[in-house]
Amino acid sequence: MFALFFQVALGGAIGAVARYMIGLLVIFPFGTMAVNVVGSFLMGVAWVMMTERGLERWMPGVLTGLLGGFTTFSAFSLDTFRLVDDGRILAAGGYVLATVLLSVLALFVAIALTRFAQV
């Protein structure tokens, strides 16, 4: 079990550093957009290659660690695909809408509450 956690942690560290470097190289806010698009693309490639080639043992380190550390949006994109792939189109649409709206709302609320608490 420790080896699995280490695999995720190592992948996460590499992904986070890659994300930070892209943020330095690409003008705001396009660095975040680039990371989300590239991360989602790589998540799709990695998921197909791993599931079709029997490499599931690498999924925690690559999908959750490396790509999750690079961008959690890639995990969100894969979750959405899996819902669509299972034929759960309405669930996928609701998931996308709820995730985006609730995440942005949570950020606005957190900023407002934190600013208010500091007054």
N, C-alpha and C. Protein backbone atom coordinates (compact mmCIF):
# COMPACT_ATOMS: atom_id res chain seq x y z
N MET A 1 0.82 -1.20 0.00
CA MET A 1 0.00 0.00 0.00
C MET A 1 0.86 1.26 0.00
N PHE A 2 1.98 1.22 0.75
CA PHE A 2 2.87 2.38 0.78
C PHE A 2 3.41 2.69 -0.61
N ALA A 3 3.75 1.65 -1.37
CA ALA A 3 4.28 1.85 -2.72
C ALA A 3 3.26 2.57 -3.60
N LEU A 4 1.99 2.25 -3.43
CA LEU A 4 0.93 2.90 -4.21
C LEU A 4 0.85 4.38 -3.86
N PHE A 5 0.89 4.69 -2.56
CA PHE A 5 0.86 6.08 -2.13
C PHE A 5 2.08 6.85 -2.63
N PHE A 6 3.22 6.19 -2.60
CA PHE A 6 4.45 6.82 -3.10
C PHE A 6 4.34 7.11 -4.60
N GLN A 7 3.78 6.17 -5.33
CA GLN A 7 3.58 6.34 -6.78
C GLN A 7 2.70 7.56 -7.05
N VAL A 8 1.60 7.70 -6.31
CA VAL A 8 0.70 8.84 -6.49
C VAL A 8 1.40 10.14 -6.09
N ALA A 9 2.12 10.11 -4.97
CA ALA A 9 2.81 11.31 -4.49
C ALA A 9 3.89 11.77 -5.46
N LEU A 10 4.67 10.84 -5.97
CA LEU A 10 5.73 11.19 -6.92
C LEU A 10 5.13 11.77 -8.19
N GLY A 11 4.10 11.10 -8.71
CA GLY A 11 3.43 11.61 -9.91
C GLY A 11 2.85 12.99 -9.67
N GLY A 12 2.23 13.18 -8.50
CA GLY A 12 1.65 14.47 -8.16
C GLY A 12 2.68 15.58 -8.09
N ALA A 13 3.83 15.27 -7.52
CA ALA A 13 4.90 16.28 -7.44
C ALA A 13 5.38 16.68 -8.82
N ILE A 14 5.57 15.72 -9.68
CA ILE A 14 6.03 16.01 -11.06
C ILE A 14 4.96 16.82 -11.80
N GLY A 15 3.70 16.42 -11.67
CA GLY A 15 2.62 17.14 -12.33
C GLY A 15 2.48 18.56 -11.84
N ALA A 16 2.61 18.77 -10.53
CA ALA A 16 2.48 20.11 -9.96
C ALA A 16 3.61 21.02 -10.43
N VAL A 17 4.82 20.50 -10.52
CA VAL A 17 5.95 21.29 -11.01
C VAL A 17 5.74 21.65 -12.48
N ALA A 18 5.27 20.70 -13.26
CA ALA A 18 5.01 20.97 -14.69
C ALA A 18 3.94 22.05 -14.83
N ARG A 19 2.91 21.97 -14.00
CA ARG A 19 1.85 22.98 -14.05
C ARG A 19 2.40 24.37 -13.70
N TYR A 20 3.21 24.43 -12.67
CA TYR A 20 3.80 25.70 -12.26
C TYR A 20 4.67 26.29 -13.37
N MET A 21 5.46 25.45 -14.02
CA MET A 21 6.34 25.92 -15.10
C MET A 21 5.52 26.48 -16.27
N ILE A 22 4.44 25.82 -16.63
CA ILE A 22 3.60 26.32 -17.71
C ILE A 22 2.99 27.65 -17.32
N GLY A 23 2.59 27.79 -16.06
CA GLY A 23 2.06 29.06 -15.57
C GLY A 23 3.05 30.20 -15.69
N LEU A 24 4.34 29.89 -15.58
CA LEU A 24 5.38 30.91 -15.73
C LEU A 24 5.60 31.28 -17.19
N LEU A 25 5.37 30.33 -18.07
CA LEU A 25 5.68 30.53 -19.49
C LEU A 25 4.54 31.10 -20.31
N VAL A 26 3.31 30.93 -19.86
CA VAL A 26 2.15 31.34 -20.65
C VAL A 26 1.42 32.46 -19.90
N ILE A 27 1.05 33.50 -20.62
CA ILE A 27 0.42 34.68 -20.02
C ILE A 27 -0.93 34.33 -19.39
N PHE A 28 -1.21 34.94 -18.24
CA PHE A 28 -2.47 34.76 -17.51
C PHE A 28 -3.64 35.22 -18.36
N PRO A 29 -4.77 34.55 -18.37
CA PRO A 29 -5.12 33.29 -17.71
C PRO A 29 -4.94 32.08 -18.63
N PHE A 30 -4.23 32.27 -19.72
CA PHE A 30 -4.14 31.21 -20.72
C PHE A 30 -3.27 30.04 -20.26
N GLY A 31 -2.43 30.24 -19.25
CA GLY A 31 -1.66 29.13 -18.71
C GLY A 31 -2.57 28.09 -18.09
N THR A 32 -3.55 28.55 -17.32
CA THR A 32 -4.51 27.64 -16.71
C THR A 32 -5.32 26.92 -17.78
N MET A 33 -5.76 27.66 -18.78
CA MET A 33 -6.53 27.05 -19.85
C MET A 33 -5.68 26.02 -20.59
N ALA A 34 -4.44 26.34 -20.88
CA ALA A 34 -3.55 25.41 -21.57
C ALA A 34 -3.34 24.15 -20.75
N VAL A 35 -3.13 24.31 -19.46
CA VAL A 35 -2.94 23.16 -18.58
C VAL A 35 -4.19 22.28 -18.59
N ASN A 36 -5.36 22.89 -18.49
CA ASN A 36 -6.61 22.12 -18.47
C ASN A 36 -6.84 21.37 -19.78
N VAL A 37 -6.59 22.03 -20.91
CA VAL A 37 -6.81 21.39 -22.21
C VAL A 37 -5.78 20.29 -22.44
N VAL A 38 -4.51 20.59 -22.23
CA VAL A 38 -3.45 19.59 -22.43
C VAL A 38 -3.62 18.44 -21.46
N GLY A 39 -3.91 18.74 -20.20
CA GLY A 39 -4.10 17.70 -19.20
C GLY A 39 -5.26 16.79 -19.54
N SER A 40 -6.35 17.36 -20.03
CA SER A 40 -7.51 16.55 -20.42
C SER A 40 -7.18 15.67 -21.61
N PHE A 41 -6.45 16.22 -22.58
CA PHE A 41 -6.03 15.44 -23.74
C PHE A 41 -5.15 14.27 -23.31
N LEU A 42 -4.16 14.57 -22.47
CA LEU A 42 -3.26 13.52 -22.00
C LEU A 42 -3.99 12.47 -21.15
N MET A 43 -4.99 12.91 -20.38
CA MET A 43 -5.78 11.97 -19.59
C MET A 43 -6.50 10.99 -20.51
N GLY A 44 -7.05 11.49 -21.61
CA GLY A 44 -7.72 10.60 -22.57
C GLY A 44 -6.77 9.60 -23.19
N VAL A 45 -5.62 10.08 -23.62
CA VAL A 45 -4.61 9.19 -24.23
C VAL A 45 -4.15 8.14 -23.22
N ALA A 46 -3.81 8.58 -22.02
CA ALA A 46 -3.30 7.66 -21.01
C ALA A 46 -4.34 6.63 -20.60
N TRP A 47 -5.58 7.06 -20.44
CA TRP A 47 -6.63 6.14 -20.01
C TRP A 47 -6.85 5.05 -21.05
N VAL A 48 -6.92 5.44 -22.34
CA VAL A 48 -7.11 4.43 -23.39
C VAL A 48 -5.93 3.48 -23.43
N MET A 49 -4.73 4.02 -23.44
CA MET A 49 -3.55 3.16 -23.52
C MET A 49 -3.46 2.20 -22.35
N MET A 50 -3.75 2.68 -21.16
CA MET A 50 -3.63 1.83 -19.97
C MET A 50 -4.73 0.79 -19.89
N THR A 51 -5.96 1.18 -20.21
CA THR A 51 -7.04 0.20 -20.12
C THR A 51 -6.95 -0.84 -21.24
N GLU A 52 -6.52 -0.43 -22.41
CA GLU A 52 -6.46 -1.37 -23.53
C GLU A 52 -5.21 -2.24 -23.53
N ARG A 53 -4.20 -1.85 -22.79
CA ARG A 53 -2.95 -2.61 -22.75
C ARG A 53 -2.71 -3.30 -21.42
N GLY A 54 -3.71 -3.28 -20.57
CA GLY A 54 -3.58 -3.97 -19.29
C GLY A 54 -2.59 -3.33 -18.34
N LEU A 55 -2.49 -2.02 -18.39
CA LEU A 55 -1.54 -1.30 -17.54
C LEU A 55 -2.23 -0.56 -16.39
N GLU A 56 -3.31 -1.15 -15.89
CA GLU A 56 -4.08 -0.51 -14.82
C GLU A 56 -3.25 -0.22 -13.58
N ARG A 57 -2.21 -0.99 -13.35
CA ARG A 57 -1.39 -0.79 -12.16
C ARG A 57 -0.68 0.57 -12.19
N TRP A 58 -0.54 1.17 -13.37
CA TRP A 58 0.10 2.47 -13.51
C TRP A 58 -0.89 3.63 -13.37
N MET A 59 -2.18 3.32 -13.36
CA MET A 59 -3.19 4.39 -13.33
C MET A 59 -3.08 5.31 -12.11
N PRO A 60 -2.89 4.78 -10.90
CA PRO A 60 -2.80 5.72 -9.77
C PRO A 60 -1.67 6.73 -9.92
N GLY A 61 -0.51 6.28 -10.33
CA GLY A 61 0.62 7.20 -10.46
C GLY A 61 0.49 8.16 -11.62
N VAL A 62 -0.04 7.68 -12.73
CA VAL A 62 -0.12 8.53 -13.93
C VAL A 62 -1.40 9.37 -13.93
N LEU A 63 -2.56 8.73 -13.76
CA LEU A 63 -3.83 9.46 -13.85
C LEU A 63 -4.07 10.33 -12.61
N THR A 64 -4.04 9.71 -11.44
CA THR A 64 -4.30 10.47 -10.21
C THR A 64 -3.12 11.34 -9.82
N GLY A 65 -1.92 10.78 -9.88
CA GLY A 65 -0.73 11.52 -9.46
C GLY A 65 -0.28 12.55 -10.47
N LEU A 66 0.32 12.09 -11.55
CA LEU A 66 0.92 12.99 -12.55
C LEU A 66 -0.11 13.95 -13.16
N LEU A 67 -1.16 13.40 -13.75
CA LEU A 67 -2.13 14.27 -14.42
C LEU A 67 -3.04 14.98 -13.42
N GLY A 68 -3.33 14.33 -12.29
CA GLY A 68 -4.11 15.01 -11.25
C GLY A 68 -3.34 16.15 -10.62
N GLY A 69 -2.02 15.98 -10.46
CA GLY A 69 -1.19 17.06 -9.95
C GLY A 69 -1.02 18.17 -10.99
N PHE A 70 -1.06 17.78 -12.24
CA PHE A 70 -0.94 18.75 -13.34
C PHE A 70 -2.23 19.56 -13.44
N THR A 71 -3.37 18.88 -13.42
CA THR A 71 -4.67 19.55 -13.45
C THR A 71 -5.77 18.59 -13.02
N THR A 72 -6.53 18.98 -12.01
CA THR A 72 -7.67 18.14 -11.63
C THR A 72 -8.77 18.22 -12.66
N PHE A 73 -8.71 19.19 -13.54
CA PHE A 73 -9.71 19.31 -14.60
C PHE A 73 -9.68 18.09 -15.50
N SER A 74 -8.50 17.47 -15.64
CA SER A 74 -8.41 16.27 -16.46
C SER A 74 -9.20 15.13 -15.84
N ALA A 75 -9.20 15.04 -14.52
CA ALA A 75 -9.99 14.01 -13.84
C ALA A 75 -11.48 14.30 -14.02
N PHE A 76 -11.86 15.55 -13.93
CA PHE A 76 -13.25 15.97 -14.17
C PHE A 76 -13.66 15.60 -15.60
N SER A 77 -12.78 15.84 -16.56
CA SER A 77 -13.07 15.51 -17.95
C SER A 77 -13.26 14.01 -18.13
N LEU A 78 -12.41 13.21 -17.50
CA LEU A 78 -12.53 11.76 -17.60
C LEU A 78 -13.81 11.27 -16.93
N ASP A 79 -14.16 11.83 -15.79
CA ASP A 79 -15.41 11.45 -15.13
C ASP A 79 -16.60 11.72 -16.06
N THR A 80 -16.57 12.88 -16.71
CA THR A 80 -17.64 13.24 -17.64
C THR A 80 -17.70 12.26 -18.80
N PHE A 81 -16.55 11.93 -19.37
CA PHE A 81 -16.51 10.95 -20.46
C PHE A 81 -17.10 9.62 -20.02
N ARG A 82 -16.71 9.17 -18.85
CA ARG A 82 -17.17 7.86 -18.38
C ARG A 82 -18.69 7.84 -18.20
N LEU A 83 -19.27 8.94 -17.73
CA LEU A 83 -20.72 9.02 -17.64
C LEU A 83 -21.36 8.94 -19.03
N VAL A 84 -20.80 9.69 -19.98
CA VAL A 84 -21.32 9.66 -21.36
C VAL A 84 -21.13 8.28 -21.96
N ASP A 85 -19.97 7.70 -21.76
CA ASP A 85 -19.66 6.37 -22.30
C ASP A 85 -20.60 5.30 -21.73
N ASP A 86 -21.07 5.50 -20.50
CA ASP A 86 -22.02 4.58 -19.88
C ASP A 86 -23.45 4.87 -20.31
N GLY A 87 -23.62 5.87 -21.19
CA GLY A 87 -24.95 6.22 -21.67
C GLY A 87 -25.73 7.11 -20.74
N ARG A 88 -25.06 7.67 -19.75
CA ARG A 88 -25.72 8.52 -18.76
C ARG A 88 -25.53 9.99 -19.14
N ILE A 89 -26.14 10.37 -20.26
CA ILE A 89 -25.95 11.70 -20.84
C ILE A 89 -26.47 12.80 -19.91
N LEU A 90 -27.67 12.63 -19.39
CA LEU A 90 -28.22 13.65 -18.49
C LEU A 90 -27.39 13.78 -17.23
N ALA A 91 -26.92 12.66 -16.71
CA ALA A 91 -26.06 12.70 -15.52
C ALA A 91 -24.77 13.44 -15.84
N ALA A 92 -24.22 13.20 -17.02
CA ALA A 92 -22.99 13.89 -17.42
C ALA A 92 -23.22 15.40 -17.52
N GLY A 93 -24.31 15.78 -18.15
CA GLY A 93 -24.63 17.21 -18.27
C GLY A 93 -24.84 17.86 -16.92
N GLY A 94 -25.56 17.18 -16.05
CA GLY A 94 -25.78 17.70 -14.70
C GLY A 94 -24.48 17.80 -13.92
N TYR A 95 -23.63 16.80 -14.10
CA TYR A 95 -22.33 16.79 -13.42
C TYR A 95 -21.47 17.97 -13.87
N VAL A 96 -21.43 18.20 -15.17
CA VAL A 96 -20.64 19.32 -15.71
C VAL A 96 -21.19 20.64 -15.18
N LEU A 97 -22.48 20.83 -15.33
CA LEU A 97 -23.10 22.09 -14.90
C LEU A 97 -22.92 22.31 -13.40
N ALA A 98 -23.22 21.29 -12.61
CA ALA A 98 -23.10 21.43 -11.16
C ALA A 98 -21.66 21.66 -10.73
N THR A 99 -20.72 20.93 -11.33
CA THR A 99 -19.31 21.08 -10.95
C THR A 99 -18.80 22.49 -11.23
N VAL A 100 -19.07 22.98 -12.43
CA VAL A 100 -18.58 24.31 -12.80
C VAL A 100 -19.25 25.39 -11.95
N LEU A 101 -20.57 25.36 -11.89
CA LEU A 101 -21.29 26.40 -11.14
C LEU A 101 -20.95 26.36 -9.64
N LEU A 102 -20.97 25.18 -9.04
CA LEU A 102 -20.69 25.08 -7.61
C LEU A 102 -19.24 25.43 -7.28
N SER A 103 -18.32 25.06 -8.16
CA SER A 103 -16.91 25.38 -7.91
C SER A 103 -16.66 26.87 -7.97
N VAL A 104 -17.22 27.53 -8.98
CA VAL A 104 -17.05 28.99 -9.09
C VAL A 104 -17.77 29.68 -7.93
N LEU A 105 -18.97 29.23 -7.61
CA LEU A 105 -19.70 29.80 -6.48
C LEU A 105 -18.93 29.61 -5.18
N ALA A 106 -18.37 28.43 -4.96
CA ALA A 106 -17.60 28.17 -3.75
C ALA A 106 -16.41 29.12 -3.64
N LEU A 107 -15.74 29.37 -4.76
CA LEU A 107 -14.61 30.29 -4.74
C LEU A 107 -15.06 31.70 -4.38
N PHE A 108 -16.15 32.17 -4.98
CA PHE A 108 -16.65 33.52 -4.68
C PHE A 108 -17.06 33.62 -3.20
N VAL A 109 -17.76 32.62 -2.69
CA VAL A 109 -18.18 32.62 -1.30
C VAL A 109 -16.97 32.61 -0.37
N ALA A 110 -15.99 31.78 -0.68
CA ALA A 110 -14.78 31.71 0.15
C ALA A 110 -14.06 33.05 0.19
N ILE A 111 -13.95 33.68 -0.96
CA ILE A 111 -13.28 34.99 -1.00
C ILE A 111 -14.06 36.02 -0.19
N ALA A 112 -15.37 36.05 -0.37
CA ALA A 112 -16.21 37.00 0.37
C ALA A 112 -16.12 36.76 1.88
N LEU A 113 -16.25 35.50 2.30
CA LEU A 113 -16.18 35.19 3.74
C LEU A 113 -14.81 35.50 4.32
N THR A 114 -13.77 35.19 3.57
CA THR A 114 -12.42 35.45 4.08
C THR A 114 -12.15 36.94 4.17
N ARG A 115 -12.58 37.69 3.17
CA ARG A 115 -12.41 39.15 3.23
C ARG A 115 -13.21 39.74 4.39
N PHE A 116 -14.44 39.26 4.58
CA PHE A 116 -15.28 39.74 5.67
C PHE A 116 -14.66 39.44 7.03
N ALA A 117 -14.09 38.24 7.18
CA ALA A 117 -13.50 37.83 8.44
C ALA A 117 -12.26 38.66 8.79
N GLN A 118 -11.62 39.21 7.79
CA GLN A 118 -10.40 39.99 8.03
C GLN A 118 -10.70 41.43 8.38
N VAL A 119 -11.94 41.86 8.23
CA VAL A 119 -12.29 43.27 8.51
C VAL A 119 -12.30 43.55 9.98
